[in-house]
């Protein structure tokens, strides 16, 4: 929101609002591409199992976040 306000003062209302919308979309896409996951090691019938579950629905998976 501060980006929109400062951009509107500096470069005009129309381009300032477009810049604010663009910055907000980048934040939304960045957070959606890297979902929060939790990995738990469990033992089931003498087998070591990794249980992976997410905190929110995964639409855009950032596979680089799953490398351990």
PDB file of N, CA and C in Angstrom:
ATOM      1  N   UNK A   1       0.815  -1.173   0.000  1.00  0.00           N
ATOM      2  CA  UNK A   1       0.000   0.000   0.000  1.00  0.00           C
ATOM      3  C   UNK A   1       0.874   1.258   0.000  1.00  0.00           C
ATOM      4  N   UNK A   2       1.991   1.204   0.697  1.00  0.00           N
ATOM      5  CA  UNK A   2       2.895   2.342   0.716  1.00  0.00           C
ATOM      6  C   UNK A   2       3.510   2.566  -0.661  1.00  0.00           C
ATOM      7  N   UNK A   3       3.761   1.465  -1.376  1.00  0.00           N
ATOM      8  CA  UNK A   3       4.322   1.584  -2.729  1.00  0.00           C
ATOM      9  C   UNK A   3       3.346   2.331  -3.617  1.00  0.00           C
ATOM     10  N   UNK A   4       2.081   2.028  -3.516  1.00  0.00           N
ATOM     11  CA  UNK A   4       1.064   2.696  -4.331  1.00  0.00           C
ATOM     12  C   UNK A   4       1.003   4.181  -4.004  1.00  0.00           C
ATOM     13  N   UNK A   5       1.009   4.500  -2.726  1.00  0.00           N
ATOM     14  CA  UNK A   5       0.921   5.897  -2.309  1.00  0.00           C
ATOM     15  C   UNK A   5       2.128   6.699  -2.791  1.00  0.00           C
ATOM     16  N   UNK A   6       3.322   6.165  -2.585  1.00  0.00           N
ATOM     17  CA  UNK A   6       4.540   6.876  -2.992  1.00  0.00           C
ATOM     18  C   UNK A   6       4.620   6.985  -4.510  1.00  0.00           C
ATOM     19  N   UNK A   7       4.258   5.916  -5.207  1.00  0.00           N
ATOM     20  CA  UNK A   7       4.289   5.955  -6.670  1.00  0.00           C
ATOM     21  C   UNK A   7       3.263   6.941  -7.217  1.00  0.00           C
ATOM     22  N   UNK A   8       2.106   7.042  -6.592  1.00  0.00           N
ATOM     23  CA  UNK A   8       1.094   8.004  -7.038  1.00  0.00           C
ATOM     24  C   UNK A   8       1.590   9.437  -6.857  1.00  0.00           C
ATOM     25  N   UNK A   9       2.316   9.684  -5.780  1.00  0.00           N
ATOM     26  CA  UNK A   9       2.862  11.024  -5.573  1.00  0.00           C
ATOM     27  C   UNK A   9       3.979  11.332  -6.562  1.00  0.00           C
ATOM     28  N   UNK A  10       4.779  10.312  -6.890  1.00  0.00           N
ATOM     29  CA  UNK A  10       5.951  10.537  -7.719  1.00  0.00           C
ATOM     30  C   UNK A  10       5.690  10.525  -9.214  1.00  0.00           C
ATOM     31  N   UNK A  11       4.892   9.562  -9.704  1.00  0.00           N
ATOM     32  CA  UNK A  11       4.756   9.418 -11.162  1.00  0.00           C
ATOM     33  C   UNK A  11       3.325   9.585 -11.666  1.00  0.00           C
ATOM     34  N   UNK A  12       2.433   9.935 -10.795  1.00  0.00           N
ATOM     35  CA  UNK A  12       1.056  10.160 -11.234  1.00  0.00           C
ATOM     36  C   UNK A  12       0.127   9.063 -10.762  1.00  0.00           C
ATOM     37  N   UNK A  13      -1.162   9.389 -10.753  1.00  0.00           N
ATOM     38  CA  UNK A  13      -2.159   8.488 -10.194  1.00  0.00           C
ATOM     39  C   UNK A  13      -2.324   7.206 -10.999  1.00  0.00           C
ATOM     40  N   UNK A  14      -2.405   7.313 -12.312  1.00  0.00           N
ATOM     41  CA  UNK A  14      -2.674   6.124 -13.126  1.00  0.00           C
ATOM     42  C   UNK A  14      -1.508   5.138 -13.086  1.00  0.00           C
ATOM     43  N   UNK A  15      -0.288   5.621 -13.270  1.00  0.00           N
ATOM     44  CA  UNK A  15       0.863   4.713 -13.242  1.00  0.00           C
ATOM     45  C   UNK A  15       1.191   4.251 -11.817  1.00  0.00           C
ATOM     46  N   UNK A  16       0.903   5.093 -10.854  1.00  0.00           N
ATOM     47  CA  UNK A  16       1.119   4.698  -9.465  1.00  0.00           C
ATOM     48  C   UNK A  16       0.219   3.551  -9.047  1.00  0.00           C
ATOM     49  N   UNK A  17      -1.034   3.591  -9.464  1.00  0.00           N
ATOM     50  CA  UNK A  17      -1.954   2.500  -9.146  1.00  0.00           C
ATOM     51  C   UNK A  17      -1.560   1.222  -9.873  1.00  0.00           C
ATOM     52  N   UNK A  18      -1.145   1.347 -11.126  1.00  0.00           N
ATOM     53  CA  UNK A  18      -0.672   0.161 -11.854  1.00  0.00           C
ATOM     54  C   UNK A  18       0.551  -0.452 -11.182  1.00  0.00           C
ATOM     55  N   UNK A  19       1.458   0.387 -10.698  1.00  0.00           N
ATOM     56  CA  UNK A  19       2.642  -0.127 -10.015  1.00  0.00           C
ATOM     57  C   UNK A  19       2.254  -0.825  -8.707  1.00  0.00           C
ATOM     58  N   UNK A  20       1.316  -0.256  -7.978  1.00  0.00           N
ATOM     59  CA  UNK A  20       0.855  -0.879  -6.732  1.00  0.00           C
ATOM     60  C   UNK A  20       0.183  -2.217  -6.977  1.00  0.00           C
ATOM     61  N   UNK A  21      -0.616  -2.307  -8.020  1.00  0.00           N
ATOM     62  CA  UNK A  21      -1.258  -3.578  -8.374  1.00  0.00           C
ATOM     63  C   UNK A  21      -0.207  -4.614  -8.756  1.00  0.00           C
ATOM     64  N   UNK A  22       0.791  -4.195  -9.518  1.00  0.00           N
ATOM     65  CA  UNK A  22       1.855  -5.123  -9.917  1.00  0.00           C
ATOM     66  C   UNK A  22       2.638  -5.647  -8.731  1.00  0.00           C
ATOM     67  N   UNK A  23       2.972  -4.770  -7.780  1.00  0.00           N
ATOM     68  CA  UNK A  23       3.715  -5.200  -6.588  1.00  0.00           C
ATOM     69  C   UNK A  23       2.882  -6.158  -5.748  1.00  0.00           C
ATOM     70  N   UNK A  24       1.590  -5.870  -5.578  1.00  0.00           N
ATOM     71  CA  UNK A  24       0.721  -6.765  -4.809  1.00  0.00           C
ATOM     72  C   UNK A  24       0.576  -8.128  -5.476  1.00  0.00           C
ATOM     73  N   UNK A  25       0.479  -8.160  -6.803  1.00  0.00           N
ATOM     74  CA  UNK A  25       0.414  -9.442  -7.510  1.00  0.00           C
ATOM     75  C   UNK A  25       1.693 -10.239  -7.331  1.00  0.00           C
ATOM     76  N   UNK A  26       2.834  -9.559  -7.329  1.00  0.00           N
ATOM     77  CA  UNK A  26       4.102 -10.275  -7.118  1.00  0.00           C
ATOM     78  C   UNK A  26       4.149 -10.905  -5.732  1.00  0.00           C
ATOM     79  N   UNK A  27       3.669 -10.193  -4.706  1.00  0.00           N
ATOM     80  CA  UNK A  27       3.636 -10.765  -3.358  1.00  0.00           C
ATOM     81  C   UNK A  27       2.706 -11.974  -3.289  1.00  0.00           C
ATOM     82  N   UNK A  28       1.548 -11.880  -3.920  1.00  0.00           N
ATOM     83  CA  UNK A  28       0.595 -12.996  -3.903  1.00  0.00           C
ATOM     84  C   UNK A  28       1.170 -14.215  -4.609  1.00  0.00           C
ATOM     85  N   UNK A  29       1.755 -14.016  -5.783  1.00  0.00           N
ATOM     86  CA  UNK A  29       2.331 -15.145  -6.519  1.00  0.00           C
ATOM     87  C   UNK A  29       3.535 -15.737  -5.820  1.00  0.00           C
ATOM     88  N   UNK A  30       4.353 -14.919  -5.188  1.00  0.00           N
ATOM     89  CA  UNK A  30       5.521 -15.422  -4.457  1.00  0.00           C
ATOM     90  C   UNK A  30       5.087 -16.321  -3.303  1.00  0.00           C
ATOM     91  N   UNK A  31       4.099 -15.885  -2.525  1.00  0.00           N
ATOM     92  CA  UNK A  31       3.632 -16.696  -1.401  1.00  0.00           C
ATOM     93  C   UNK A  31       2.891 -17.946  -1.856  1.00  0.00           C
ATOM     94  N   UNK A  32       2.173 -17.873  -2.964  1.00  0.00           N
ATOM     95  CA  UNK A  32       1.446 -19.043  -3.464  1.00  0.00           C
ATOM     96  C   UNK A  32       2.391 -20.081  -4.041  1.00  0.00           C
ATOM     97  N   UNK A  33       3.537 -19.658  -4.555  1.00  0.00           N
ATOM     98  CA  UNK A  33       4.478 -20.590  -5.168  1.00  0.00           C
ATOM     99  C   UNK A  33       5.329 -21.322  -4.131  1.00  0.00           C
ATOM    100  N   UNK A  34       5.348 -20.866  -2.902  1.00  0.00           N
ATOM    101  CA  UNK A  34       6.136 -21.496  -1.853  1.00  0.00           C
ATOM    102  C   UNK A  34       5.261 -21.812  -0.649  1.00  0.00           C
ATOM    103  N   UNK A  35       4.475 -22.864  -0.746  1.00  0.00           N
ATOM    104  CA  UNK A  35       3.581 -23.202   0.370  1.00  0.00           C
ATOM    105  C   UNK A  35       4.372 -23.701   1.574  1.00  0.00           C
ATOM    106  N   UNK A  36       3.831 -23.496   2.728  1.00  0.00           N
ATOM    107  CA  UNK A  36       4.475 -23.961   3.953  1.00  0.00           C
ATOM    108  C   UNK A  36       4.149 -25.443   4.135  1.00  0.00           C
ATOM    109  N   UNK A  37       5.190 -26.249   4.280  1.00  0.00           N
ATOM    110  CA  UNK A  37       5.012 -27.682   4.483  1.00  0.00           C
ATOM    111  C   UNK A  37       5.750 -28.100   5.739  1.00  0.00           C
ATOM    112  N   UNK A  38       5.321 -29.200   6.305  1.00  0.00           N
ATOM    113  CA  UNK A  38       5.978 -29.763   7.477  1.00  0.00           C
ATOM    114  C   UNK A  38       6.296 -31.217   7.164  1.00  0.00           C
ATOM    115  N   UNK A  39       7.519 -31.632   7.492  1.00  0.00           N
ATOM    116  CA  UNK A  39       7.959 -33.002   7.262  1.00  0.00           C
ATOM    117  C   UNK A  39       8.165 -33.657   8.616  1.00  0.00           C
ATOM    118  N   UNK A  40       7.536 -34.817   8.810  1.00  0.00           N
ATOM    119  CA  UNK A  40       7.660 -35.552  10.074  1.00  0.00           C
ATOM    120  C   UNK A  40       8.133 -36.967   9.768  1.00  0.00           C
ATOM    121  N   UNK A  41       9.177 -37.405  10.453  1.00  0.00           N
ATOM    122  CA  UNK A  41       9.660 -38.787  10.323  1.00  0.00           C
ATOM    123  C   UNK A  41       8.872 -39.663  11.283  1.00  0.00           C
ATOM    124  N   UNK A  42       8.285 -40.713  10.745  1.00  0.00           N
ATOM    125  CA  UNK A  42       7.481 -41.633  11.552  1.00  0.00           C
ATOM    126  C   UNK A  42       7.942 -43.061  11.299  1.00  0.00           C
ATOM    127  N   UNK A  43       7.730 -43.924  12.265  1.00  0.00           N
ATOM    128  CA  UNK A  43       8.016 -45.338  12.109  1.00  0.00           C
ATOM    129  C   UNK A  43       6.702 -46.099  12.089  1.00  0.00           C
ATOM    130  N   UNK A  44       6.466 -46.794  10.973  1.00  0.00           N
ATOM    131  CA  UNK A  44       5.240 -47.568  10.807  1.00  0.00           C
ATOM    132  C   UNK A  44       5.652 -48.990  10.470  1.00  0.00           C
ATOM    133  N   UNK A  45       5.324 -49.930  11.337  1.00  0.00           N
ATOM    134  CA  UNK A  45       5.651 -51.345  11.138  1.00  0.00           C
ATOM    135  C   UNK A  45       7.138 -51.535  10.833  1.00  0.00           C
ATOM    136  N   UNK A  46       7.977 -50.924  11.642  1.00  0.00           N
ATOM    137  CA  UNK A  46       9.441 -51.001  11.543  1.00  0.00           C
ATOM    138  C   UNK A  46      10.005 -50.378  10.273  1.00  0.00           C
ATOM    139  N   UNK A  47       9.215 -49.561   9.586  1.00  0.00           N
ATOM    140  CA  UNK A  47       9.685 -48.840   8.403  1.00  0.00           C
ATOM    141  C   UNK A  47       9.702 -47.343   8.712  1.00  0.00           C
ATOM    142  N   UNK A  48      10.771 -46.674   8.287  1.00  0.00           N
ATOM    143  CA  UNK A  48      10.857 -45.235   8.456  1.00  0.00           C
ATOM    144  C   UNK A  48      10.109 -44.549   7.319  1.00  0.00           C
ATOM    145  N   UNK A  49       9.130 -43.738   7.667  1.00  0.00           N
ATOM    146  CA  UNK A  49       8.270 -43.085   6.691  1.00  0.00           C
ATOM    147  C   UNK A  49       8.353 -41.578   6.907  1.00  0.00           C
ATOM    148  N   UNK A  50       8.434 -40.831   5.801  1.00  0.00           N
ATOM    149  CA  UNK A  50       8.366 -39.374   5.895  1.00  0.00           C
ATOM    150  C   UNK A  50       6.943 -38.946   5.593  1.00  0.00           C
ATOM    151  N   UNK A  51       6.335 -38.280   6.544  1.00  0.00           N
ATOM    152  CA  UNK A  51       4.967 -37.789   6.407  1.00  0.00           C
ATOM    153  C   UNK A  51       5.045 -36.296   6.102  1.00  0.00           C
ATOM    154  N   UNK A  52       4.559 -35.903   4.931  1.00  0.00           N
ATOM    155  CA  UNK A  52       4.622 -34.511   4.480  1.00  0.00           C
ATOM    156  C   UNK A  52       3.206 -33.974   4.371  1.00  0.00           C
ATOM    157  N   UNK A  53       2.953 -32.873   5.041  1.00  0.00           N
ATOM    158  CA  UNK A  53       1.645 -32.254   4.917  1.00  0.00           C
ATOM    159  C   UNK A  53       1.792 -30.736   4.874  1.00  0.00           C
ATOM    160  N   UNK A  54       0.857 -30.107   4.198  1.00  0.00           N
ATOM    161  CA  UNK A  54       0.916 -28.671   3.993  1.00  0.00           C
ATOM    162  C   UNK A  54      -0.019 -27.923   4.907  1.00  0.00           C
ATOM    163  N   UNK A  55       0.281 -26.659   5.074  1.00  0.00           N
ATOM    164  CA  UNK A  55      -0.539 -25.804   5.916  1.00  0.00           C
ATOM    165  C   UNK A  55      -1.675 -25.164   5.144  1.00  0.00           C
ATOM    166  N   UNK A  56      -1.567 -25.154   3.811  1.00  0.00           N
ATOM    167  CA  UNK A  56      -2.631 -24.605   2.983  1.00  0.00           C
ATOM    168  C   UNK A  56      -2.647 -25.355   1.665  1.00  0.00           C
ATOM    169  N   UNK A  57      -3.662 -25.112   0.891  1.00  0.00           N
ATOM    170  CA  UNK A  57      -3.838 -25.827  -0.365  1.00  0.00           C
ATOM    171  C   UNK A  57      -2.703 -25.490  -1.341  1.00  0.00           C
ATOM    172  N   UNK A  58      -2.132 -26.497  -1.965  1.00  0.00           N
ATOM    173  CA  UNK A  58      -1.007 -26.309  -2.877  1.00  0.00           C
ATOM    174  C   UNK A  58      -1.544 -26.185  -4.304  1.00  0.00           C
ATOM    175  N   UNK A  59      -1.395 -25.011  -4.885  1.00  0.00           N
ATOM    176  CA  UNK A  59      -1.771 -24.820  -6.284  1.00  0.00           C
ATOM    177  C   UNK A  59      -0.537 -24.661  -7.147  1.00  0.00           C
ATOM    178  N   UNK A  60       0.408 -23.847  -6.697  1.00  0.00           N
ATOM    179  CA  UNK A  60       1.653 -23.633  -7.409  1.00  0.00           C
ATOM    180  C   UNK A  60       2.763 -24.192  -6.543  1.00  0.00           C
ATOM    181  N   UNK A  61       3.313 -25.321  -6.918  1.00  0.00           N
ATOM    182  CA  UNK A  61       4.329 -25.920  -6.078  1.00  0.00           C
ATOM    183  C   UNK A  61       5.711 -25.388  -6.448  1.00  0.00           C
ATOM    184  N   UNK A  62       6.442 -24.933  -5.465  1.00  0.00           N
ATOM    185  CA  UNK A  62       7.827 -24.522  -5.658  1.00  0.00           C
ATOM    186  C   UNK A  62       8.708 -25.700  -5.265  1.00  0.00           C
ATOM    187  N   UNK A  63       9.139 -26.489  -6.230  1.00  0.00           N
ATOM    188  CA  UNK A  63       9.844 -27.725  -5.912  1.00  0.00           C
ATOM    189  C   UNK A  63      11.186 -27.482  -5.256  1.00  0.00           C
ATOM    190  N   UNK A  64      11.755 -26.303  -5.405  1.00  0.00           N
ATOM    191  CA  UNK A  64      13.038 -26.039  -4.777  1.00  0.00           C
ATOM    192  C   UNK A  64      12.911 -25.997  -3.253  1.00  0.00           C
ATOM    193  N   UNK A  65      11.718 -25.732  -2.725  1.00  0.00           N
ATOM    194  CA  UNK A  65      11.510 -25.678  -1.288  1.00  0.00           C
ATOM    195  C   UNK A  65      11.449 -27.063  -0.655  1.00  0.00           C
ATOM    196  N   UNK A  66      11.295 -28.118  -1.445  1.00  0.00           N
ATOM    197  CA  UNK A  66      11.162 -29.461  -0.885  1.00  0.00           C
ATOM    198  C   UNK A  66      12.486 -30.212  -0.825  1.00  0.00           C
ATOM    199  N   UNK A  67      13.553 -29.661  -1.343  1.00  0.00           N
ATOM    200  CA  UNK A  67      14.843 -30.352  -1.330  1.00  0.00           C
ATOM    201  C   UNK A  67      15.446 -30.284   0.071  1.00  0.00           C
ATOM    202  N   UNK A  68      15.893 -31.428   0.581  1.00  0.00           N
ATOM    203  CA  UNK A  68      16.538 -31.472   1.901  1.00  0.00           C
ATOM    204  C   UNK A  68      17.864 -32.178   1.788  1.00  0.00           C
TER     205      UNK A  68
END
